[in-house]
N, C-alpha and C. Protein backbone atom coordinates (compact mmCIF):
# COMPACT_ATOMS: atom_id res chain seq x y z
N MET A 1 -19.48 -30.72 -74.40
CA MET A 1 -18.88 -31.12 -73.04
C MET A 1 -18.01 -29.95 -72.52
N LEU A 2 -18.14 -29.78 -71.20
CA LEU A 2 -17.50 -28.64 -70.47
C LEU A 2 -16.01 -28.93 -70.31
N ASN A 3 -15.13 -28.06 -70.77
CA ASN A 3 -13.73 -28.14 -70.56
C ASN A 3 -13.39 -27.81 -69.17
N ILE A 4 -12.86 -28.74 -68.36
CA ILE A 4 -12.53 -28.50 -66.96
C ILE A 4 -11.26 -27.72 -66.88
N ILE A 5 -11.34 -26.60 -66.29
CA ILE A 5 -10.09 -25.73 -65.98
C ILE A 5 -10.20 -25.36 -64.57
N ARG A 6 -9.07 -25.43 -63.88
CA ARG A 6 -8.92 -24.99 -62.45
C ARG A 6 -8.53 -23.54 -62.51
N MET A 7 -9.17 -22.78 -61.51
CA MET A 7 -8.77 -21.39 -61.39
C MET A 7 -8.79 -20.94 -60.03
N VAL A 8 -8.07 -19.82 -59.76
CA VAL A 8 -8.01 -19.20 -58.45
C VAL A 8 -8.98 -18.00 -58.51
N ILE A 9 -9.93 -17.93 -57.63
CA ILE A 9 -10.86 -16.80 -57.59
C ILE A 9 -10.93 -16.15 -56.23
N VAL A 10 -11.43 -14.92 -56.25
CA VAL A 10 -11.68 -14.23 -54.93
C VAL A 10 -13.11 -13.56 -55.18
N PHE A 11 -13.77 -13.34 -54.06
CA PHE A 11 -15.01 -12.41 -54.10
C PHE A 11 -14.58 -11.05 -53.72
N LYS A 12 -15.07 -10.13 -54.36
CA LYS A 12 -14.84 -8.72 -53.89
C LYS A 12 -16.18 -8.12 -53.68
N LEU A 13 -16.42 -7.65 -52.48
CA LEU A 13 -17.64 -6.95 -52.11
C LEU A 13 -17.27 -5.47 -52.08
N ILE A 14 -17.89 -4.70 -52.96
CA ILE A 14 -17.60 -3.33 -53.10
C ILE A 14 -18.79 -2.55 -52.50
N THR A 15 -18.61 -1.75 -51.49
CA THR A 15 -19.66 -1.11 -50.74
C THR A 15 -19.27 0.35 -50.57
N GLU A 16 -20.19 1.14 -50.15
CA GLU A 16 -19.89 2.54 -49.77
C GLU A 16 -18.96 2.69 -48.54
N LEU A 17 -18.89 1.53 -47.83
CA LEU A 17 -18.08 1.54 -46.62
C LEU A 17 -16.68 0.99 -46.93
N GLY A 18 -16.41 0.59 -48.14
CA GLY A 18 -15.12 0.08 -48.52
C GLY A 18 -15.19 -1.10 -49.41
N GLU A 19 -13.97 -1.67 -49.78
CA GLU A 19 -13.95 -2.88 -50.59
C GLU A 19 -13.45 -3.97 -49.74
N PHE A 20 -13.98 -5.19 -49.79
CA PHE A 20 -13.67 -6.33 -49.01
C PHE A 20 -13.41 -7.49 -49.96
N VAL A 21 -12.21 -8.14 -49.70
CA VAL A 21 -11.79 -9.24 -50.54
C VAL A 21 -11.71 -10.51 -49.78
N SER A 22 -12.31 -11.49 -50.41
CA SER A 22 -12.28 -12.88 -49.72
C SER A 22 -10.87 -13.51 -49.74
N GLU A 23 -10.76 -14.61 -49.04
CA GLU A 23 -9.61 -15.46 -49.26
C GLU A 23 -9.60 -16.12 -50.64
N GLU A 24 -8.48 -16.46 -51.22
CA GLU A 24 -8.49 -17.05 -52.48
C GLU A 24 -9.04 -18.51 -52.37
N MET A 25 -9.79 -18.87 -53.40
CA MET A 25 -10.34 -20.24 -53.57
C MET A 25 -9.93 -20.88 -54.89
N VAL A 26 -9.67 -22.15 -54.85
CA VAL A 26 -9.39 -22.84 -56.08
C VAL A 26 -10.71 -23.61 -56.48
N VAL A 27 -11.10 -23.33 -57.75
CA VAL A 27 -12.39 -23.95 -58.18
C VAL A 27 -12.23 -24.47 -59.58
N THR A 28 -13.17 -25.37 -60.00
CA THR A 28 -13.15 -25.76 -61.29
C THR A 28 -14.06 -24.95 -62.16
N THR A 29 -14.06 -25.18 -63.42
CA THR A 29 -15.01 -24.41 -64.31
C THR A 29 -16.46 -24.64 -63.82
N GLU A 30 -16.77 -25.87 -63.62
CA GLU A 30 -18.14 -26.16 -63.12
C GLU A 30 -18.51 -25.49 -61.84
N GLN A 31 -17.65 -25.45 -60.90
CA GLN A 31 -17.88 -24.76 -59.63
C GLN A 31 -18.01 -23.29 -59.82
N TYR A 32 -17.20 -22.82 -60.61
CA TYR A 32 -17.30 -21.29 -60.99
C TYR A 32 -18.54 -20.92 -61.63
N LEU A 33 -19.04 -21.72 -62.56
CA LEU A 33 -20.32 -21.49 -63.21
C LEU A 33 -21.49 -21.58 -62.13
N ASN A 34 -21.40 -22.55 -61.18
CA ASN A 34 -22.39 -22.62 -60.22
C ASN A 34 -22.38 -21.40 -59.33
N LEU A 35 -21.18 -20.87 -58.95
CA LEU A 35 -21.05 -19.70 -58.14
C LEU A 35 -21.69 -18.49 -58.83
N ILE A 36 -21.53 -18.41 -60.18
CA ILE A 36 -22.19 -17.35 -61.00
C ILE A 36 -23.68 -17.44 -60.80
N GLU A 37 -24.26 -18.62 -60.92
CA GLU A 37 -25.71 -18.82 -60.76
C GLU A 37 -26.18 -18.45 -59.29
N LEU A 38 -25.38 -18.89 -58.27
CA LEU A 38 -25.81 -18.57 -56.93
C LEU A 38 -25.63 -17.06 -56.64
N SER A 39 -24.72 -16.39 -57.27
CA SER A 39 -24.55 -14.97 -57.01
C SER A 39 -25.72 -14.16 -57.56
N LYS A 40 -26.49 -14.66 -58.39
CA LYS A 40 -27.71 -13.89 -58.91
C LYS A 40 -28.76 -13.58 -57.82
N SER A 41 -28.64 -14.34 -56.74
CA SER A 41 -29.57 -14.11 -55.57
C SER A 41 -28.88 -13.26 -54.48
N PHE A 42 -27.71 -12.73 -54.79
CA PHE A 42 -26.88 -11.95 -53.88
C PHE A 42 -27.71 -10.87 -53.10
N TYR A 43 -28.56 -10.08 -53.79
CA TYR A 43 -29.25 -9.00 -53.27
C TYR A 43 -30.51 -9.34 -52.38
N ASN A 44 -30.84 -10.64 -52.28
CA ASN A 44 -31.95 -11.10 -51.45
C ASN A 44 -31.73 -11.13 -49.95
N GLY A 45 -30.67 -10.79 -49.45
CA GLY A 45 -30.33 -10.75 -48.03
C GLY A 45 -29.10 -10.29 -47.58
N GLY A 46 -28.65 -10.65 -46.38
CA GLY A 46 -27.38 -10.36 -45.92
C GLY A 46 -26.25 -11.21 -46.57
N TYR A 47 -25.12 -11.01 -46.16
CA TYR A 47 -23.94 -11.73 -46.82
C TYR A 47 -22.85 -11.86 -45.86
N ASP A 48 -22.16 -13.02 -45.94
CA ASP A 48 -20.96 -13.21 -45.05
C ASP A 48 -19.88 -13.89 -45.93
N MET A 49 -18.56 -13.63 -45.60
CA MET A 49 -17.53 -14.30 -46.32
C MET A 49 -16.26 -14.27 -45.38
N TRP A 50 -15.38 -15.29 -45.60
CA TRP A 50 -14.08 -15.22 -44.97
C TRP A 50 -13.14 -14.30 -45.63
N LEU A 51 -12.44 -13.55 -44.80
CA LEU A 51 -11.40 -12.62 -45.36
C LEU A 51 -10.00 -13.17 -44.96
N PRO A 52 -8.96 -12.67 -45.59
CA PRO A 52 -7.59 -13.18 -45.12
C PRO A 52 -7.35 -12.85 -43.75
N ASP A 53 -7.95 -11.78 -43.15
CA ASP A 53 -7.60 -11.33 -41.81
C ASP A 53 -8.86 -11.50 -40.85
N GLY A 54 -9.85 -12.27 -41.25
CA GLY A 54 -10.98 -12.47 -40.38
C GLY A 54 -12.26 -12.86 -41.13
N PHE A 55 -13.45 -12.36 -40.74
CA PHE A 55 -14.72 -12.80 -41.28
C PHE A 55 -15.55 -11.49 -41.41
N LEU A 56 -16.31 -11.39 -42.55
CA LEU A 56 -17.17 -10.25 -42.75
C LEU A 56 -18.65 -10.68 -42.75
N VAL A 57 -19.48 -9.97 -42.03
CA VAL A 57 -20.94 -10.10 -42.06
C VAL A 57 -21.53 -8.69 -42.47
N ALA A 58 -22.34 -8.74 -43.58
CA ALA A 58 -22.92 -7.41 -44.07
C ALA A 58 -24.37 -7.58 -44.00
N SER A 59 -25.03 -6.51 -43.57
CA SER A 59 -26.53 -6.56 -43.53
C SER A 59 -27.20 -6.43 -44.91
N SER A 60 -28.46 -6.82 -44.98
CA SER A 60 -29.15 -6.71 -46.27
C SER A 60 -29.17 -5.26 -46.77
N GLU A 61 -29.23 -4.23 -45.88
CA GLU A 61 -29.21 -2.86 -46.22
C GLU A 61 -27.97 -2.45 -46.97
N VAL A 62 -26.77 -2.97 -46.46
CA VAL A 62 -25.50 -2.73 -47.17
C VAL A 62 -25.37 -3.44 -48.46
N ILE A 63 -25.98 -4.63 -48.49
CA ILE A 63 -25.83 -5.55 -49.69
C ILE A 63 -26.64 -4.82 -50.85
N LYS A 64 -27.75 -4.27 -50.53
CA LYS A 64 -28.66 -3.69 -51.59
C LYS A 64 -27.91 -2.55 -52.28
N ARG A 65 -26.95 -1.90 -51.69
CA ARG A 65 -26.14 -0.83 -52.31
C ARG A 65 -24.71 -1.26 -52.63
N SER A 66 -24.55 -2.49 -52.83
CA SER A 66 -23.14 -3.08 -53.11
C SER A 66 -23.03 -3.75 -54.43
N ILE A 67 -21.86 -4.05 -54.69
CA ILE A 67 -21.53 -4.85 -55.98
C ILE A 67 -20.73 -6.00 -55.49
N LEU A 68 -21.09 -7.20 -56.03
CA LEU A 68 -20.31 -8.45 -55.76
C LEU A 68 -19.57 -8.78 -57.08
N LYS A 69 -18.28 -8.89 -56.95
CA LYS A 69 -17.49 -9.17 -58.17
C LYS A 69 -16.74 -10.52 -57.86
N ILE A 70 -16.84 -11.49 -58.77
CA ILE A 70 -16.07 -12.72 -58.60
C ILE A 70 -14.95 -12.56 -59.69
N GLU A 71 -13.72 -12.45 -59.10
CA GLU A 71 -12.55 -12.13 -59.86
C GLU A 71 -11.63 -13.34 -60.07
N ILE A 72 -11.33 -13.62 -61.24
CA ILE A 72 -10.34 -14.79 -61.55
C ILE A 72 -8.90 -14.18 -61.44
N ARG A 73 -8.20 -14.78 -60.50
CA ARG A 73 -6.85 -14.33 -60.28
C ARG A 73 -5.88 -15.08 -61.11
N LYS A 74 -6.13 -16.39 -61.34
CA LYS A 74 -5.21 -17.25 -62.02
C LYS A 74 -6.04 -18.37 -62.70
N LYS A 75 -5.74 -18.79 -63.90
CA LYS A 75 -6.41 -19.84 -64.59
C LYS A 75 -5.41 -20.73 -65.17
N ASP A 76 -5.70 -22.09 -65.14
CA ASP A 76 -4.84 -23.07 -65.77
C ASP A 76 -5.40 -23.18 -67.23
N ASP A 77 -4.53 -23.17 -68.20
CA ASP A 77 -4.96 -23.29 -69.54
C ASP A 77 -4.80 -24.65 -70.09
């Protein structure tokens, strides 16, 4: 059985144009694991995400040369 833990995460898009960090999101362990699975298709196209100061849209050409990091900022134990 999966132990349900709540955590605060952000997406970091690291590109040759700079690093972009999403707004913080509160997710459960199950949601986090689902995001990990969804991120495996990250390189299949463009990408968009909410930022603390706006919205980012990146083309598939930029994404092919980028890294997506899902960072855990805080976790309930």
